[in-house]
C-alpha atoms as a PDB file:
ATOM      1  CA  MET A   1      19.231 -32.182  -1.953  1.00  0.00           C
ATOM      2  CA  THR A   2      17.173 -35.431  -2.225  1.00  0.00           C
ATOM      3  CA  ASP A   3      14.951 -34.494   0.797  1.00  0.00           C
ATOM      4  CA  GLU A   4      13.674 -31.374  -0.624  1.00  0.00           C
ATOM      5  CA  ILE A   5      10.123 -30.227   0.242  1.00  0.00           C
ATOM      6  CA  LEU A   6       7.907 -28.469  -2.237  1.00  0.00           C
ATOM      7  CA  THR A   7       4.996 -26.285  -1.652  1.00  0.00           C
ATOM      8  CA  ILE A   8       1.813 -26.541  -3.974  1.00  0.00           C
ATOM      9  CA  GLN A   9       3.037 -23.593  -6.082  1.00  0.00           C
ATOM     10  CA  GLU A  10       6.545 -25.080  -6.418  1.00  0.00           C
ATOM     11  CA  LEU A  11       4.981 -28.589  -7.298  1.00  0.00           C
ATOM     12  CA  ALA A  12       2.716 -26.836  -9.846  1.00  0.00           C
ATOM     13  CA  GLY A  13       5.759 -25.153 -11.451  1.00  0.00           C
ATOM     14  CA  TYR A  14       7.742 -28.466 -11.335  1.00  0.00           C
ATOM     15  CA  LEU A  15       4.890 -30.368 -13.018  1.00  0.00           C
ATOM     16  CA  LYS A  16       3.847 -27.491 -15.292  1.00  0.00           C
ATOM     17  CA  LEU A  17       0.414 -27.383 -13.868  1.00  0.00           C
ATOM     18  CA  ASN A  18      -1.944 -24.638 -12.826  1.00  0.00           C
ATOM     19  CA  ASN A  19      -1.941 -24.328  -8.951  1.00  0.00           C
ATOM     20  CA  LYS A  20      -5.584 -25.097  -8.894  1.00  0.00           C
ATOM     21  CA  THR A  21      -5.013 -28.344 -10.854  1.00  0.00           C
ATOM     22  CA  ALA A  22      -2.073 -29.515  -8.463  1.00  0.00           C
ATOM     23  CA  TYR A  23      -4.244 -28.579  -5.375  1.00  0.00           C
ATOM     24  CA  ARG A  24      -7.266 -30.619  -6.764  1.00  0.00           C
ATOM     25  CA  LEU A  25      -4.938 -33.683  -7.452  1.00  0.00           C
ATOM     26  CA  ALA A  26      -3.330 -33.564  -4.095  1.00  0.00           C
ATOM     27  CA  SER A  27      -6.774 -33.297  -2.544  1.00  0.00           C
ATOM     28  CA  ALA A  28      -7.974 -36.381  -4.402  1.00  0.00           C
ATOM     29  CA  GLY A  29      -5.076 -38.215  -3.262  1.00  0.00           C
ATOM     30  CA  LYS A  30      -3.662 -38.595  -6.734  1.00  0.00           C
ATOM     31  CA  LEU A  31      -0.425 -36.986  -5.762  1.00  0.00           C
ATOM     32  CA  PRO A  32       1.816 -38.227  -2.888  1.00  0.00           C
ATOM     33  CA  GLY A  33       1.699 -35.206  -0.538  1.00  0.00           C
ATOM     34  CA  PHE A  34       0.990 -34.254   3.075  1.00  0.00           C
ATOM     35  CA  LYS A  35      -0.426 -31.376   5.006  1.00  0.00           C
ATOM     36  CA  VAL A  36       1.346 -29.089   7.434  1.00  0.00           C
ATOM     37  CA  GLY A  37      -0.869 -26.645   9.187  1.00  0.00           C
ATOM     38  CA  GLY A  38      -3.374 -26.986   6.535  1.00  0.00           C
ATOM     39  CA  SER A  39      -0.901 -26.271   3.749  1.00  0.00           C
ATOM     40  CA  TRP A  40       0.137 -29.049   1.265  1.00  0.00           C
ATOM     41  CA  ARG A  41       3.771 -30.136   1.037  1.00  0.00           C
ATOM     42  CA  PHE A  42       5.590 -32.697  -1.222  1.00  0.00           C
ATOM     43  CA  LYS A  43       8.770 -34.364  -1.002  1.00  0.00           C
ATOM     44  CA  ARG A  44      10.610 -34.214  -4.429  1.00  0.00           C
ATOM     45  CA  VAL A  45      11.756 -37.772  -4.297  1.00  0.00           C
ATOM     46  CA  ASP A  46       8.101 -38.879  -3.795  1.00  0.00           C
ATOM     47  CA  ILE A  47       6.991 -36.850  -6.794  1.00  0.00           C
ATOM     48  CA  ASN A  48       9.799 -38.120  -8.849  1.00  0.00           C
ATOM     49  CA  GLN A  49       8.859 -41.704  -7.874  1.00  0.00           C
ATOM     50  CA  TRP A  50       5.187 -40.877  -8.639  1.00  0.00           C
ATOM     51  CA  ILE A  51       6.242 -39.649 -12.193  1.00  0.00           C
ATOM     52  CA  ASP A  52       8.161 -42.917 -12.847  1.00  0.00           C
ATOM     53  CA  GLN A  53       5.050 -44.918 -11.762  1.00  0.00           C
ATOM     54  CA  GLN A  54       2.871 -42.876 -14.164  1.00  0.00           C
ATOM     55  CA  LYS A  55       5.301 -43.521 -17.146  1.00  0.00           C
ATOM     56  CA  ARG A  56       5.185 -47.238 -16.404  1.00  0.00           C
ATOM     57  CA  GLN A  57       1.429 -47.276 -16.300  1.00  0.00           C
ATOM     58  CA  GLY A  58       0.900 -45.058 -19.284  1.00  0.00           C
END
């Protein structure tokens, strides 16, 4: 499913990060996400685009 929504824990697992690191990056605006009721959510397609951008810059 291309519209899959990830939680902070799922995102951390997907990116192989610690939960706190993922939360810190999201809070700093370095990861494309949005809040729902105070909890972070991430669209998998946005994260994949972000990964591609990082590879091009890096």
